[in-house]
Amino acid sequence: MKRESVVKLVLSGMFVALAVVLSTFSIPVGGSKCFPIQHMVNVLAAVFLGPWYGVGIAFCTSLIRNILGTGTLLAFPGSMIGALCCGLVYKHTGKLTLTYIAEVIGTGILGGLLAYPVAAFVMGKEVALFVYIVPFLVSTIGGTVIAAVLITILKANHTLEVLQNMVKEGKVKG
């Protein structure tokens, strides 16, 4: 296995652990739990690892949270679609502002819409089609703002590029 892959897997595991441990920080909005840390992790995964690792991190985090009872099945569509959207946008544009917008649209709008069939057909809830958009938007905007602040700090002290290069090259100092 290439050293780069090992570094990416380790970082992915750290992101999953961070998201699961901080899953106790949630805000109830409507019928769902708003979990801003997942959206922060989605953006950080997009910037450091790419879209497919981001989707894997979102899936693993959602699965573990469901097993532990700190999440619902609604965690899957929101987190995974958001991770995919912001990961693809960052991969193809490298623009942070567009990446933040993609996370918000991916989770808030698309994930909110895809939560409907999960709630209605899998969970057996009687809900309206657009019911999850507002709570998902609240959650993703909060998490995206946290990620934007972190990334801005990393950029300001020139750490962002150094960390990105370390991940890309599979080099970890320590």
N, C-alpha and C. Protein backbone atom coordinates (compact mmCIF):
# COMPACT_ATOMS: atom_id res chain seq x y z
N MET A 1 0.85 -1.18 0.00
CA MET A 1 0.00 0.00 0.00
C MET A 1 0.89 1.24 0.00
N LYS A 2 0.56 2.19 -0.84
CA LYS A 2 1.34 3.40 -0.92
C LYS A 2 1.23 4.20 0.38
N ARG A 3 2.31 4.87 0.72
CA ARG A 3 2.35 5.67 1.95
C ARG A 3 1.26 6.75 1.94
N GLU A 4 1.00 7.33 0.77
CA GLU A 4 -0.04 8.34 0.65
C GLU A 4 -1.40 7.78 1.07
N SER A 5 -1.70 6.55 0.66
CA SER A 5 -2.97 5.92 1.01
C SER A 5 -3.08 5.68 2.51
N VAL A 6 -1.97 5.28 3.12
CA VAL A 6 -1.97 5.04 4.56
C VAL A 6 -2.24 6.35 5.31
N VAL A 7 -1.58 7.41 4.88
CA VAL A 7 -1.79 8.71 5.51
C VAL A 7 -3.25 9.14 5.36
N LYS A 8 -3.82 8.95 4.17
CA LYS A 8 -5.21 9.33 3.95
C LYS A 8 -6.17 8.49 4.78
N LEU A 9 -5.89 7.21 4.92
CA LEU A 9 -6.75 6.35 5.75
C LEU A 9 -6.67 6.74 7.22
N VAL A 10 -5.47 7.05 7.69
CA VAL A 10 -5.30 7.46 9.08
C VAL A 10 -6.03 8.78 9.33
N LEU A 11 -5.87 9.74 8.43
CA LEU A 11 -6.56 11.01 8.57
C LEU A 11 -8.07 10.82 8.51
N SER A 12 -8.53 9.93 7.65
CA SER A 12 -9.97 9.63 7.57
C SER A 12 -10.46 9.07 8.90
N GLY A 13 -9.71 8.14 9.47
CA GLY A 13 -10.08 7.57 10.77
C GLY A 13 -10.13 8.63 11.86
N MET A 14 -9.19 9.56 11.80
CA MET A 14 -9.18 10.65 12.78
C MET A 14 -10.40 11.55 12.61
N PHE A 15 -10.78 11.84 11.36
CA PHE A 15 -11.97 12.64 11.11
C PHE A 15 -13.23 11.92 11.60
N VAL A 16 -13.33 10.62 11.35
CA VAL A 16 -14.48 9.85 11.83
C VAL A 16 -14.53 9.90 13.36
N ALA A 17 -13.39 9.66 13.99
CA ALA A 17 -13.33 9.68 15.46
C ALA A 17 -13.74 11.05 16.00
N LEU A 18 -13.23 12.10 15.40
CA LEU A 18 -13.59 13.46 15.82
C LEU A 18 -15.09 13.69 15.71
N ALA A 19 -15.66 13.30 14.59
CA ALA A 19 -17.09 13.50 14.36
C ALA A 19 -17.93 12.67 15.32
N VAL A 20 -17.53 11.44 15.58
CA VAL A 20 -18.30 10.58 16.48
C VAL A 20 -18.20 11.10 17.92
N VAL A 21 -17.00 11.44 18.35
CA VAL A 21 -16.82 11.92 19.72
C VAL A 21 -17.60 13.21 19.96
N LEU A 22 -17.59 14.09 18.97
CA LEU A 22 -18.30 15.36 19.12
C LEU A 22 -19.77 15.27 18.72
N SER A 23 -20.26 14.05 18.46
CA SER A 23 -21.66 13.89 18.08
C SER A 23 -22.60 14.18 19.24
N THR A 24 -22.06 14.29 20.44
CA THR A 24 -22.91 14.68 21.56
C THR A 24 -23.32 16.14 21.45
N PHE A 25 -22.61 16.91 20.64
CA PHE A 25 -22.97 18.30 20.40
C PHE A 25 -23.94 18.35 19.24
N SER A 26 -25.22 18.39 19.56
CA SER A 26 -26.23 18.47 18.52
C SER A 26 -27.31 19.45 18.95
N ILE A 27 -28.01 19.97 17.96
CA ILE A 27 -29.07 20.95 18.20
C ILE A 27 -30.35 20.38 17.62
N PRO A 28 -31.36 20.11 18.47
CA PRO A 28 -32.62 19.61 17.91
C PRO A 28 -33.38 20.71 17.17
N VAL A 29 -33.69 20.45 15.91
CA VAL A 29 -34.49 21.38 15.11
C VAL A 29 -35.55 20.55 14.40
N GLY A 30 -36.78 20.78 14.74
CA GLY A 30 -37.86 20.00 14.14
C GLY A 30 -37.73 18.53 14.51
N GLY A 31 -37.86 17.66 13.52
CA GLY A 31 -37.79 16.23 13.77
C GLY A 31 -36.41 15.64 13.62
N SER A 32 -35.39 16.48 13.47
CA SER A 32 -34.05 15.94 13.28
C SER A 32 -33.07 16.57 14.25
N LYS A 33 -31.91 15.93 14.38
CA LYS A 33 -30.84 16.49 15.19
C LYS A 33 -29.86 17.20 14.25
N CYS A 34 -29.60 18.46 14.53
CA CYS A 34 -28.63 19.19 13.73
C CYS A 34 -27.26 18.93 14.32
N PHE A 35 -26.37 18.50 13.48
CA PHE A 35 -25.06 18.02 13.90
C PHE A 35 -23.99 18.78 13.12
N PRO A 36 -23.64 20.01 13.54
CA PRO A 36 -22.75 20.84 12.73
C PRO A 36 -21.33 20.28 12.57
N ILE A 37 -20.88 19.47 13.49
CA ILE A 37 -19.52 18.95 13.41
C ILE A 37 -19.34 18.07 12.16
N GLN A 38 -20.36 17.32 11.79
CA GLN A 38 -20.26 16.50 10.58
C GLN A 38 -20.00 17.36 9.36
N HIS A 39 -20.61 18.52 9.29
CA HIS A 39 -20.46 19.39 8.13
C HIS A 39 -19.10 20.07 8.12
N MET A 40 -18.59 20.35 9.32
CA MET A 40 -17.22 20.85 9.42
C MET A 40 -16.25 19.79 8.88
N VAL A 41 -16.46 18.55 9.30
CA VAL A 41 -15.61 17.44 8.83
C VAL A 41 -15.76 17.25 7.33
N ASN A 42 -16.97 17.39 6.79
CA ASN A 42 -17.16 17.27 5.34
C ASN A 42 -16.28 18.25 4.58
N VAL A 43 -16.26 19.49 5.03
CA VAL A 43 -15.47 20.51 4.35
C VAL A 43 -13.98 20.23 4.51
N LEU A 44 -13.55 19.88 5.72
CA LEU A 44 -12.14 19.58 5.94
C LEU A 44 -11.70 18.36 5.12
N ALA A 45 -12.56 17.36 5.03
CA ALA A 45 -12.24 16.18 4.21
C ALA A 45 -12.14 16.55 2.74
N ALA A 46 -13.00 17.43 2.27
CA ALA A 46 -12.95 17.88 0.87
C ALA A 46 -11.61 18.54 0.59
N VAL A 47 -11.16 19.38 1.50
CA VAL A 47 -9.94 20.17 1.30
C VAL A 47 -8.69 19.30 1.42
N PHE A 48 -8.70 18.33 2.32
CA PHE A 48 -7.50 17.53 2.55
C PHE A 48 -7.49 16.18 1.84
N LEU A 49 -8.66 15.59 1.59
CA LEU A 49 -8.68 14.20 1.11
C LEU A 49 -9.40 13.98 -0.21
N GLY A 50 -10.39 14.79 -0.51
CA GLY A 50 -11.14 14.61 -1.75
C GLY A 50 -12.52 14.04 -1.51
N PRO A 51 -13.30 13.97 -2.59
CA PRO A 51 -14.72 13.62 -2.45
C PRO A 51 -14.99 12.20 -1.98
N TRP A 52 -14.23 11.23 -2.45
CA TRP A 52 -14.56 9.84 -2.13
C TRP A 52 -14.20 9.50 -0.69
N TYR A 53 -13.10 10.02 -0.22
CA TYR A 53 -12.78 9.86 1.20
C TYR A 53 -13.83 10.57 2.05
N GLY A 54 -14.26 11.76 1.61
CA GLY A 54 -15.28 12.50 2.35
C GLY A 54 -16.57 11.72 2.47
N VAL A 55 -17.00 11.09 1.39
CA VAL A 55 -18.23 10.28 1.43
C VAL A 55 -18.04 9.09 2.36
N GLY A 56 -16.87 8.46 2.30
CA GLY A 56 -16.59 7.34 3.20
C GLY A 56 -16.59 7.75 4.66
N ILE A 57 -16.01 8.91 4.95
CA ILE A 57 -16.00 9.43 6.32
C ILE A 57 -17.42 9.71 6.79
N ALA A 58 -18.22 10.33 5.93
CA ALA A 58 -19.61 10.64 6.28
C ALA A 58 -20.40 9.35 6.52
N PHE A 59 -20.19 8.34 5.68
CA PHE A 59 -20.90 7.07 5.86
C PHE A 59 -20.49 6.41 7.17
N CYS A 60 -19.19 6.30 7.41
CA CYS A 60 -18.71 5.64 8.64
C CYS A 60 -19.19 6.37 9.89
N THR A 61 -19.13 7.70 9.85
CA THR A 61 -19.60 8.48 10.99
C THR A 61 -21.09 8.25 11.22
N SER A 62 -21.89 8.29 10.17
CA SER A 62 -23.33 8.06 10.31
C SER A 62 -23.62 6.66 10.83
N LEU A 63 -22.90 5.68 10.32
CA LEU A 63 -23.11 4.30 10.75
C LEU A 63 -22.78 4.13 12.23
N ILE A 64 -21.64 4.64 12.65
CA ILE A 64 -21.23 4.51 14.06
C ILE A 64 -22.20 5.27 14.97
N ARG A 65 -22.61 6.47 14.55
CA ARG A 65 -23.57 7.24 15.36
C ARG A 65 -24.90 6.50 15.49
N ASN A 66 -25.33 5.83 14.43
CA ASN A 66 -26.57 5.06 14.51
C ASN A 66 -26.41 3.87 15.43
N ILE A 67 -25.29 3.20 15.35
CA ILE A 67 -25.03 2.05 16.23
C ILE A 67 -25.01 2.49 17.69
N LEU A 68 -24.40 3.65 17.96
CA LEU A 68 -24.30 4.16 19.33
C LEU A 68 -25.58 4.82 19.82
N GLY A 69 -26.53 5.07 18.91
CA GLY A 69 -27.78 5.70 19.30
C GLY A 69 -27.70 7.22 19.37
N THR A 70 -26.65 7.82 18.81
CA THR A 70 -26.52 9.28 18.83
C THR A 70 -26.94 9.90 17.50
N GLY A 71 -27.40 9.10 16.57
CA GLY A 71 -27.83 9.61 15.27
C GLY A 71 -29.06 8.87 14.79
N THR A 72 -29.60 9.34 13.67
CA THR A 72 -30.74 8.68 13.05
C THR A 72 -30.37 8.31 11.61
N LEU A 73 -31.25 7.60 10.96
CA LEU A 73 -31.01 7.24 9.56
C LEU A 73 -30.93 8.48 8.67
N LEU A 74 -31.45 9.60 9.15
CA LEU A 74 -31.40 10.83 8.37
C LEU A 74 -29.98 11.37 8.25
N ALA A 75 -29.07 10.86 9.07
CA ALA A 75 -27.67 11.30 8.99
C ALA A 75 -27.03 10.87 7.67
N PHE A 76 -27.47 9.77 7.11
CA PHE A 76 -26.85 9.26 5.88
C PHE A 76 -27.04 10.18 4.67
N PRO A 77 -28.28 10.52 4.29
CA PRO A 77 -28.41 11.33 3.07
C PRO A 77 -27.79 12.71 3.19
N GLY A 78 -27.99 13.37 4.31
CA GLY A 78 -27.47 14.73 4.46
C GLY A 78 -25.96 14.78 4.44
N SER A 79 -25.34 13.97 5.26
CA SER A 79 -23.88 14.05 5.38
C SER A 79 -23.18 13.55 4.12
N MET A 80 -23.67 12.48 3.53
CA MET A 80 -22.98 11.91 2.38
C MET A 80 -23.12 12.76 1.12
N ILE A 81 -24.31 13.31 0.89
CA ILE A 81 -24.51 14.16 -0.29
C ILE A 81 -23.69 15.44 -0.15
N GLY A 82 -23.71 16.02 1.05
CA GLY A 82 -22.91 17.22 1.30
C GLY A 82 -21.43 16.98 1.09
N ALA A 83 -20.93 15.85 1.61
CA ALA A 83 -19.51 15.51 1.45
C ALA A 83 -19.15 15.34 -0.03
N LEU A 84 -20.02 14.67 -0.76
CA LEU A 84 -19.77 14.46 -2.19
C LEU A 84 -19.75 15.79 -2.94
N CYS A 85 -20.74 16.62 -2.70
CA CYS A 85 -20.84 17.90 -3.42
C CYS A 85 -19.64 18.80 -3.13
N CYS A 86 -19.32 18.99 -1.87
CA CYS A 86 -18.22 19.92 -1.57
C CYS A 86 -16.89 19.30 -1.98
N GLY A 87 -16.75 17.98 -1.90
CA GLY A 87 -15.52 17.33 -2.34
C GLY A 87 -15.30 17.47 -3.84
N LEU A 88 -16.35 17.27 -4.61
CA LEU A 88 -16.22 17.40 -6.07
C LEU A 88 -15.93 18.85 -6.47
N VAL A 89 -16.61 19.78 -5.82
CA VAL A 89 -16.38 21.19 -6.16
C VAL A 89 -14.94 21.59 -5.83
N TYR A 90 -14.45 21.19 -4.66
CA TYR A 90 -13.07 21.56 -4.31
C TYR A 90 -12.07 20.88 -5.25
N LYS A 91 -12.33 19.62 -5.57
CA LYS A 91 -11.42 18.89 -6.46
C LYS A 91 -11.31 19.55 -7.83
N HIS A 92 -12.44 20.04 -8.35
CA HIS A 92 -12.45 20.58 -9.71
C HIS A 92 -12.19 22.08 -9.80
N THR A 93 -12.37 22.81 -8.69
CA THR A 93 -12.15 24.25 -8.74
C THR A 93 -11.04 24.73 -7.82
N GLY A 94 -10.85 24.05 -6.69
CA GLY A 94 -9.87 24.49 -5.70
C GLY A 94 -10.30 25.77 -4.98
N LYS A 95 -11.53 26.18 -5.17
CA LYS A 95 -12.03 27.43 -4.58
C LYS A 95 -12.80 27.13 -3.30
N LEU A 96 -12.33 27.73 -2.21
CA LEU A 96 -12.93 27.45 -0.91
C LEU A 96 -14.36 27.98 -0.80
N THR A 97 -14.61 29.18 -1.29
CA THR A 97 -15.96 29.75 -1.19
C THR A 97 -16.97 28.86 -1.90
N LEU A 98 -16.63 28.37 -3.09
CA LEU A 98 -17.54 27.47 -3.81
C LEU A 98 -17.70 26.15 -3.06
N THR A 99 -16.65 25.71 -2.40
CA THR A 99 -16.71 24.48 -1.62
C THR A 99 -17.69 24.64 -0.46
N TYR A 100 -17.64 25.78 0.23
CA TYR A 100 -18.56 26.05 1.33
C TYR A 100 -20.00 26.07 0.82
N ILE A 101 -20.22 26.74 -0.30
CA ILE A 101 -21.56 26.81 -0.89
C ILE A 101 -22.05 25.42 -1.28
N ALA A 102 -21.17 24.61 -1.84
CA ALA A 102 -21.54 23.25 -2.25
C ALA A 102 -21.94 22.40 -1.05
N GLU A 103 -21.25 22.56 0.07
CA GLU A 103 -21.63 21.82 1.28
C GLU A 103 -23.03 22.23 1.73
N VAL A 104 -23.30 23.51 1.74
CA VAL A 104 -24.61 24.00 2.19
C VAL A 104 -25.72 23.53 1.25
N ILE A 105 -25.50 23.65 -0.06
CA ILE A 105 -26.52 23.21 -1.02
C ILE A 105 -26.64 21.68 -1.00
N GLY A 106 -25.51 20.99 -0.97
CA GLY A 106 -25.53 19.53 -0.98
C GLY A 106 -26.25 18.95 0.22
N THR A 107 -25.93 19.44 1.39
CA THR A 107 -26.57 18.93 2.60
C THR A 107 -27.94 19.54 2.80
N GLY A 108 -27.99 20.88 2.77
CA GLY A 108 -29.22 21.57 3.12
C GLY A 108 -30.37 21.32 2.16
N ILE A 109 -30.09 21.42 0.87
CA ILE A 109 -31.16 21.29 -0.13
C ILE A 109 -31.28 19.84 -0.60
N LEU A 110 -30.21 19.33 -1.21
CA LEU A 110 -30.29 17.96 -1.77
C LEU A 110 -30.44 16.91 -0.67
N GLY A 111 -29.63 17.02 0.38
CA GLY A 111 -29.74 16.06 1.49
C GLY A 111 -31.09 16.17 2.17
N GLY A 112 -31.58 17.41 2.33
CA GLY A 112 -32.90 17.60 2.93
C GLY A 112 -34.00 16.95 2.11
N LEU A 113 -33.90 17.05 0.81
CA LEU A 113 -34.89 16.41 -0.06
C LEU A 113 -34.77 14.88 -0.03
N LEU A 114 -33.54 14.38 -0.02
CA LEU A 114 -33.33 12.93 0.00
C LEU A 114 -33.66 12.31 1.36
N ALA A 115 -33.75 13.14 2.39
CA ALA A 115 -34.15 12.63 3.71
C ALA A 115 -35.63 12.24 3.72
N TYR A 116 -36.41 12.86 2.85
CA TYR A 116 -37.84 12.56 2.81
C TYR A 116 -38.13 11.08 2.57
N PRO A 117 -37.59 10.46 1.50
CA PRO A 117 -37.90 9.04 1.31
C PRO A 117 -37.38 8.16 2.45
N VAL A 118 -36.25 8.54 3.04
CA VAL A 118 -35.73 7.77 4.18
C VAL A 118 -36.72 7.84 5.33
N ALA A 119 -37.19 9.05 5.63
CA ALA A 119 -38.14 9.22 6.73
C ALA A 119 -39.48 8.56 6.43
N ALA A 120 -39.98 8.77 5.23
CA ALA A 120 -41.32 8.29 4.88
C ALA A 120 -41.38 6.78 4.68
N PHE A 121 -40.43 6.24 3.95
CA PHE A 121 -40.53 4.83 3.56
C PHE A 121 -39.71 3.89 4.44
N VAL A 122 -38.59 4.36 4.95
CA VAL A 122 -37.75 3.48 5.78
C VAL A 122 -38.13 3.62 7.26
N MET A 123 -38.31 4.87 7.71
CA MET A 123 -38.60 5.10 9.12
C MET A 123 -40.10 5.13 9.41
N GLY A 124 -40.93 5.16 8.36
CA GLY A 124 -42.38 5.13 8.53
C GLY A 124 -42.99 6.40 9.09
N LYS A 125 -42.32 7.53 8.92
CA LYS A 125 -42.84 8.80 9.43
C LYS A 125 -43.69 9.48 8.36
N GLU A 126 -44.74 10.13 8.80
CA GLU A 126 -45.56 10.92 7.89
C GLU A 126 -45.04 12.34 7.92
N VAL A 127 -44.29 12.72 6.90
CA VAL A 127 -43.68 14.05 6.84
C VAL A 127 -43.90 14.65 5.46
N ALA A 128 -43.79 15.97 5.41
CA ALA A 128 -43.90 16.68 4.14
C ALA A 128 -42.56 16.60 3.40
N LEU A 129 -42.59 16.77 2.11
CA LEU A 129 -41.40 16.65 1.26
C LEU A 129 -40.28 17.59 1.68
N PHE A 130 -40.59 18.82 2.03
CA PHE A 130 -39.56 19.82 2.29
C PHE A 130 -39.26 20.00 3.78
N VAL A 131 -39.75 19.14 4.63
CA VAL A 131 -39.67 19.33 6.08
C VAL A 131 -38.22 19.33 6.61
N TYR A 132 -37.31 18.64 5.97
CA TYR A 132 -35.95 18.53 6.50
C TYR A 132 -34.98 19.59 5.95
N ILE A 133 -35.42 20.37 5.00
CA ILE A 133 -34.52 21.36 4.41
C ILE A 133 -34.07 22.40 5.43
N VAL A 134 -34.98 22.98 6.18
CA VAL A 134 -34.59 24.01 7.15
C VAL A 134 -33.67 23.46 8.24
N PRO A 135 -34.01 22.34 8.89
CA PRO A 135 -33.08 21.83 9.90
C PRO A 135 -31.71 21.44 9.32
N PHE A 136 -31.70 20.87 8.13
CA PHE A 136 -30.42 20.52 7.51
C PHE A 136 -29.62 21.77 7.16
N LEU A 137 -30.31 22.82 6.71
CA LEU A 137 -29.61 24.08 6.42
C LEU A 137 -29.01 24.69 7.68
N VAL A 138 -29.75 24.66 8.78
CA VAL A 138 -29.22 25.19 10.04
C VAL A 138 -27.96 24.43 10.44
N SER A 139 -28.00 23.14 10.34
CA SER A 139 -26.87 22.30 10.72
C SER A 139 -25.66 22.54 9.82
N THR A 140 -25.88 22.53 8.53
CA THR A 140 -24.76 22.65 7.60
C THR A 140 -24.17 24.06 7.59
N ILE A 141 -24.99 25.07 7.75
CA ILE A 141 -24.44 26.43 7.80
C ILE A 141 -23.55 26.58 9.03
N GLY A 142 -24.01 26.07 10.17
CA GLY A 142 -23.20 26.13 11.38
C GLY A 142 -21.86 25.43 11.22
N GLY A 143 -21.89 24.21 10.70
CA GLY A 143 -20.66 23.44 10.52
C GLY A 143 -19.75 24.02 9.46
N THR A 144 -20.34 24.56 8.41
CA THR A 144 -19.54 25.17 7.34
C THR A 144 -18.85 26.43 7.83
N VAL A 145 -19.52 27.19 8.67
CA VAL A 145 -18.89 28.39 9.24
C VAL A 145 -17.71 27.99 10.14
N ILE A 146 -17.89 26.97 10.94
CA ILE A 146 -16.79 26.49 11.79
C ILE A 146 -15.60 26.07 10.92
N ALA A 147 -15.86 25.31 9.85
CA ALA A 147 -14.79 24.88 8.95
C ALA A 147 -14.13 26.06 8.27
N ALA A 148 -14.92 27.04 7.84
CA ALA A 148 -14.37 28.22 7.17
C ALA A 148 -13.44 28.99 8.11
N VAL A 149 -13.82 29.11 9.36
CA VAL A 149 -12.97 29.79 10.34
C VAL A 149 -11.66 29.03 10.52
N LEU A 150 -11.75 27.71 10.68
CA LEU A 150 -10.53 26.89 10.84
C LEU A 150 -9.62 27.00 9.62
N ILE A 151 -10.20 26.91 8.44
CA ILE A 151 -9.41 26.96 7.21
C ILE A 151 -8.81 28.36 7.03
N THR A 152 -9.55 29.38 7.38
CA THR A 152 -9.01 30.75 7.29
C THR A 152 -7.80 30.92 8.20
N ILE A 153 -7.87 30.37 9.40
CA ILE A 153 -6.73 30.44 10.33
C ILE A 153 -5.55 29.66 9.76
N LEU A 154 -5.81 28.45 9.23
CA LEU A 154 -4.73 27.65 8.64
C LEU A 154 -4.10 28.35 7.44
N LYS A 155 -4.92 29.02 6.65
CA LYS A 155 -4.40 29.77 5.49
C LYS A 155 -3.57 30.97 5.93
N ALA A 156 -4.05 31.66 6.94
CA ALA A 156 -3.39 32.89 7.39
C ALA A 156 -1.97 32.63 7.90
N ASN A 157 -1.78 31.50 8.55
CA ASN A 157 -0.43 31.20 9.04
C ASN A 157 0.31 30.21 8.14
N HIS A 158 -0.17 30.06 6.90
CA HIS A 158 0.47 29.27 5.84
C HIS A 158 0.59 27.78 6.20
N THR A 159 -0.29 27.31 7.04
CA THR A 159 -0.27 25.90 7.43
C THR A 159 -1.11 25.04 6.50
N LEU A 160 -2.14 25.61 5.89
CA LEU A 160 -3.05 24.85 5.04
C LEU A 160 -2.31 24.16 3.92
N GLU A 161 -1.52 24.91 3.17
CA GLU A 161 -0.80 24.33 2.03
C GLU A 161 0.21 23.28 2.49
N VAL A 162 0.87 23.53 3.61
CA VAL A 162 1.85 22.57 4.13
C VAL A 162 1.15 21.26 4.46
N LEU A 163 0.02 21.33 5.15
CA LEU A 163 -0.72 20.12 5.51
C LEU A 163 -1.25 19.40 4.27
N GLN A 164 -1.77 20.16 3.31
CA GLN A 164 -2.26 19.55 2.08
C GLN A 164 -1.14 18.81 1.36
N ASN A 165 0.02 19.41 1.29
CA ASN A 165 1.18 18.77 0.64
C ASN A 165 1.62 17.52 1.39
N MET A 166 1.57 17.56 2.72
CA MET A 166 1.95 16.39 3.50
C MET A 166 1.02 15.22 3.21
N VAL A 167 -0.27 15.51 3.12
CA VAL A 167 -1.24 14.45 2.82
C VAL A 167 -1.04 13.93 1.41
N LYS A 168 -0.85 14.86 0.46
CA LYS A 168 -0.69 14.48 -0.95
C LYS A 168 0.56 13.62 -1.16
N GLU A 169 1.63 13.97 -0.49
CA GLU A 169 2.90 13.26 -0.66
C GLU A 169 3.04 12.07 0.27
N GLY A 170 2.13 11.94 1.23
CA GLY A 170 2.21 10.83 2.18
C GLY A 170 3.35 10.97 3.17
N LYS A 171 3.76 12.19 3.41
CA LYS A 171 4.87 12.44 4.33
C LYS A 171 4.32 13.01 5.62
N VAL A 172 4.64 12.36 6.70
CA VAL A 172 4.22 12.83 8.01
C VAL A 172 5.47 12.96 8.87
N LYS A 173 5.66 14.14 9.39
CA LYS A 173 6.81 14.37 10.26
C LYS A 173 6.42 14.01 11.68
N GLY A 174 7.33 13.41 12.39
CA GLY A 174 6.99 13.10 13.76
C GLY A 174 7.97 12.26 14.46
